[in-house]
Amino acid sequence: MLLLKAKVMFGGLENNLSTKIALMPGVNFGNGLTFSGIIKPIGDVGDFLFLNEWYEVDIEMFTINEEAFPAICHLVKEGNPIDFQVGSRKVGKGEIMEHLYIEKNI
């Protein structure tokens, strides 16, 4: 599992994003591969994330495992950009602030 702390901004949408439901866009590290992630705002941001404003968030990426992480590990660095997608449509962007990869030992 990959855990990220990032600053993010969403745009290109018709409405602000509710913080009452899970935000789960695809996360693209710039290599053409998109992974699912759950975005959780840090701190009390109210009921909405407003479009075109920067927020600090935690991103939990349960689908990044010991097979997937080697394909993106060179892109998961502090300061590197990430994009958020719904299908092939870009709906936001961000920058990695911190990361932690947890390898599952069975």
C-alpha atoms as a PDB file:
ATOM      1  CA  MET A   1       0.000   0.000   0.000  1.00  0.00           C
ATOM      2  CA  LEU A   2       1.189   3.501  -0.822  1.00  0.00           C
ATOM      3  CA  LEU A   3       0.307   6.439   1.413  1.00  0.00           C
ATOM      4  CA  LEU A   4       0.793   9.963   0.103  1.00  0.00           C
ATOM      5  CA  LYS A   5       0.524  13.411   1.580  1.00  0.00           C
ATOM      6  CA  ALA A   6      -0.025  15.893  -1.230  1.00  0.00           C
ATOM      7  CA  LYS A   7      -1.246  19.348  -2.066  1.00  0.00           C
ATOM      8  CA  VAL A   8      -4.039  19.137  -4.632  1.00  0.00           C
ATOM      9  CA  MET A   9      -6.390  21.269  -6.697  1.00  0.00           C
ATOM     10  CA  PHE A  10      -9.463  20.107  -8.588  1.00  0.00           C
ATOM     11  CA  GLY A  11     -10.918  21.798 -11.669  1.00  0.00           C
ATOM     12  CA  GLY A  12     -12.753  21.155 -14.906  1.00  0.00           C
ATOM     13  CA  LEU A  13     -15.847  20.006 -13.022  1.00  0.00           C
ATOM     14  CA  GLU A  14     -19.317  21.514 -12.795  1.00  0.00           C
ATOM     15  CA  ASN A  15     -19.584  21.468  -8.995  1.00  0.00           C
ATOM     16  CA  ASN A  16     -17.432  21.630  -5.887  1.00  0.00           C
ATOM     17  CA  LEU A  17     -16.599  18.243  -4.330  1.00  0.00           C
ATOM     18  CA  SER A  18     -18.432  17.046  -1.237  1.00  0.00           C
ATOM     19  CA  THR A  19     -16.229  15.906   1.637  1.00  0.00           C
ATOM     20  CA  LYS A  20     -19.103  13.761   2.962  1.00  0.00           C
ATOM     21  CA  ILE A  21     -18.428  11.013   0.403  1.00  0.00           C
ATOM     22  CA  ALA A  22     -15.214   9.210  -0.515  1.00  0.00           C
ATOM     23  CA  LEU A  23     -13.223  10.967  -3.219  1.00  0.00           C
ATOM     24  CA  MET A  24     -11.796   8.218  -5.427  1.00  0.00           C
ATOM     25  CA  PRO A  25     -10.424   9.529  -8.732  1.00  0.00           C
ATOM     26  CA  GLY A  26      -7.697   7.734 -10.626  1.00  0.00           C
ATOM     27  CA  VAL A  27      -4.181   8.899  -9.718  1.00  0.00           C
ATOM     28  CA  ASN A  28      -1.701   9.206 -12.590  1.00  0.00           C
ATOM     29  CA  PHE A  29       1.976   9.603 -11.723  1.00  0.00           C
ATOM     30  CA  GLY A  30       2.862  10.593 -15.285  1.00  0.00           C
ATOM     31  CA  ASN A  31       3.766   7.197 -16.700  1.00  0.00           C
ATOM     32  CA  GLY A  32       0.429   6.452 -18.324  1.00  0.00           C
ATOM     33  CA  LEU A  33      -0.607   4.102 -15.510  1.00  0.00           C
ATOM     34  CA  THR A  34      -3.580   5.112 -13.368  1.00  0.00           C
ATOM     35  CA  PHE A  35      -4.147   3.729  -9.875  1.00  0.00           C
ATOM     36  CA  SER A  36      -7.143   4.110  -7.587  1.00  0.00           C
ATOM     37  CA  GLY A  37      -6.816   6.092  -4.405  1.00  0.00           C
ATOM     38  CA  ILE A  38      -8.977   7.430  -1.604  1.00  0.00           C
ATOM     39  CA  ILE A  39      -8.454  11.148  -0.975  1.00  0.00           C
ATOM     40  CA  LYS A  40      -9.019  12.478   2.536  1.00  0.00           C
ATOM     41  CA  PRO A  41      -8.637  16.202   3.286  1.00  0.00           C
ATOM     42  CA  ILE A  42      -6.314  17.094   6.158  1.00  0.00           C
ATOM     43  CA  GLY A  43      -7.914  19.286   8.797  1.00  0.00           C
ATOM     44  CA  ASP A  44     -11.381  20.771   8.891  1.00  0.00           C
ATOM     45  CA  VAL A  45     -12.199  21.959   5.378  1.00  0.00           C
ATOM     46  CA  GLY A  46     -15.964  22.007   5.796  1.00  0.00           C
ATOM     47  CA  ASP A  47     -18.460  20.218   3.595  1.00  0.00           C
ATOM     48  CA  PHE A  48     -16.817  20.927   0.236  1.00  0.00           C
ATOM     49  CA  LEU A  49     -13.502  21.119  -1.578  1.00  0.00           C
ATOM     50  CA  PHE A  50     -13.862  24.182  -3.761  1.00  0.00           C
ATOM     51  CA  LEU A  51     -12.646  24.071  -7.340  1.00  0.00           C
ATOM     52  CA  ASN A  52      -9.387  25.830  -8.218  1.00  0.00           C
ATOM     53  CA  GLU A  53      -8.196  26.026  -4.581  1.00  0.00           C
ATOM     54  CA  TRP A  54      -5.236  24.166  -3.087  1.00  0.00           C
ATOM     55  CA  TYR A  55      -5.749  21.670  -0.244  1.00  0.00           C
ATOM     56  CA  GLU A  56      -3.488  19.322   1.701  1.00  0.00           C
ATOM     57  CA  VAL A  57      -4.742  15.743   1.613  1.00  0.00           C
ATOM     58  CA  ASP A  58      -3.834  12.182   2.488  1.00  0.00           C
ATOM     59  CA  ILE A  59      -4.175   9.644  -0.323  1.00  0.00           C
ATOM     60  CA  GLU A  60      -4.466   5.933   0.478  1.00  0.00           C
ATOM     61  CA  MET A  61      -3.596   3.706  -2.466  1.00  0.00           C
ATOM     62  CA  PHE A  62      -4.402   0.105  -1.574  1.00  0.00           C
ATOM     63  CA  THR A  63      -3.928  -1.181  -5.133  1.00  0.00           C
ATOM     64  CA  ILE A  64      -0.225  -0.345  -5.197  1.00  0.00           C
ATOM     65  CA  ASN A  65       1.437  -3.559  -4.077  1.00  0.00           C
ATOM     66  CA  GLU A  66       4.800  -5.298  -4.474  1.00  0.00           C
ATOM     67  CA  GLU A  67       4.088  -5.864  -8.177  1.00  0.00           C
ATOM     68  CA  ALA A  68       2.908  -2.330  -8.995  1.00  0.00           C
ATOM     69  CA  PHE A  69       5.260  -0.216  -6.852  1.00  0.00           C
ATOM     70  CA  PRO A  70       8.446  -0.976  -8.833  1.00  0.00           C
ATOM     71  CA  ALA A  71       6.768   0.469 -11.971  1.00  0.00           C
ATOM     72  CA  ILE A  72       6.211   3.844 -10.305  1.00  0.00           C
ATOM     73  CA  CYS A  73       8.736   4.085  -7.452  1.00  0.00           C
ATOM     74  CA  HIS A  74      11.004   6.404  -9.469  1.00  0.00           C
ATOM     75  CA  LEU A  75       8.048   8.810  -9.840  1.00  0.00           C
ATOM     76  CA  VAL A  76       6.985   8.771  -6.182  1.00  0.00           C
ATOM     77  CA  LYS A  77       9.238  11.519  -4.866  1.00  0.00           C
ATOM     78  CA  GLU A  78       8.693  14.712  -2.920  1.00  0.00           C
ATOM     79  CA  GLY A  79       7.849  17.550  -5.311  1.00  0.00           C
ATOM     80  CA  ASN A  80       6.793  15.307  -8.208  1.00  0.00           C
ATOM     81  CA  PRO A  81       3.461  16.061  -9.911  1.00  0.00           C
ATOM     82  CA  ILE A  82       0.388  13.832  -9.997  1.00  0.00           C
ATOM     83  CA  ASP A  83      -2.837  14.145 -11.978  1.00  0.00           C
ATOM     84  CA  PHE A  84      -6.345  13.069 -11.010  1.00  0.00           C
ATOM     85  CA  GLN A  85      -8.628  11.486 -13.583  1.00  0.00           C
ATOM     86  CA  VAL A  86     -12.138  10.184 -13.989  1.00  0.00           C
ATOM     87  CA  GLY A  87     -11.820   7.840 -16.950  1.00  0.00           C
ATOM     88  CA  SER A  88      -9.544   9.674 -19.369  1.00  0.00           C
ATOM     89  CA  ARG A  89     -10.726  13.129 -18.223  1.00  0.00           C
ATOM     90  CA  LYS A  90      -8.286  15.123 -16.081  1.00  0.00           C
ATOM     91  CA  VAL A  91     -10.115  16.599 -13.077  1.00  0.00           C
ATOM     92  CA  GLY A  92      -7.247  17.793 -10.907  1.00  0.00           C
ATOM     93  CA  LYS A  93      -3.558  18.030 -10.225  1.00  0.00           C
ATOM     94  CA  GLY A  94      -1.263  17.811  -7.261  1.00  0.00           C
ATOM     95  CA  GLU A  95       2.234  17.606  -5.905  1.00  0.00           C
ATOM     96  CA  ILE A  96       3.628  14.887  -3.659  1.00  0.00           C
ATOM     97  CA  MET A  97       4.748  16.225  -0.273  1.00  0.00           C
ATOM     98  CA  GLU A  98       5.527  12.936   1.518  1.00  0.00           C
ATOM     99  CA  HIS A  99       5.123   9.232   0.843  1.00  0.00           C
ATOM    100  CA  LEU A 100       5.253   5.920   2.656  1.00  0.00           C
ATOM    101  CA  TYR A 101       5.179   2.515   0.965  1.00  0.00           C
ATOM    102  CA  ILE A 102       4.072  -0.368   3.182  1.00  0.00           C
ATOM    103  CA  GLU A 103       4.907  -3.822   1.874  1.00  0.00           C
ATOM    104  CA  LYS A 104       2.426  -6.447   2.943  1.00  0.00           C
ATOM    105  CA  ASN A 105       4.132  -9.453   4.548  1.00  0.00           C
ATOM    106  CA  ILE A 106       2.082 -12.621   4.580  1.00  0.00           C
END
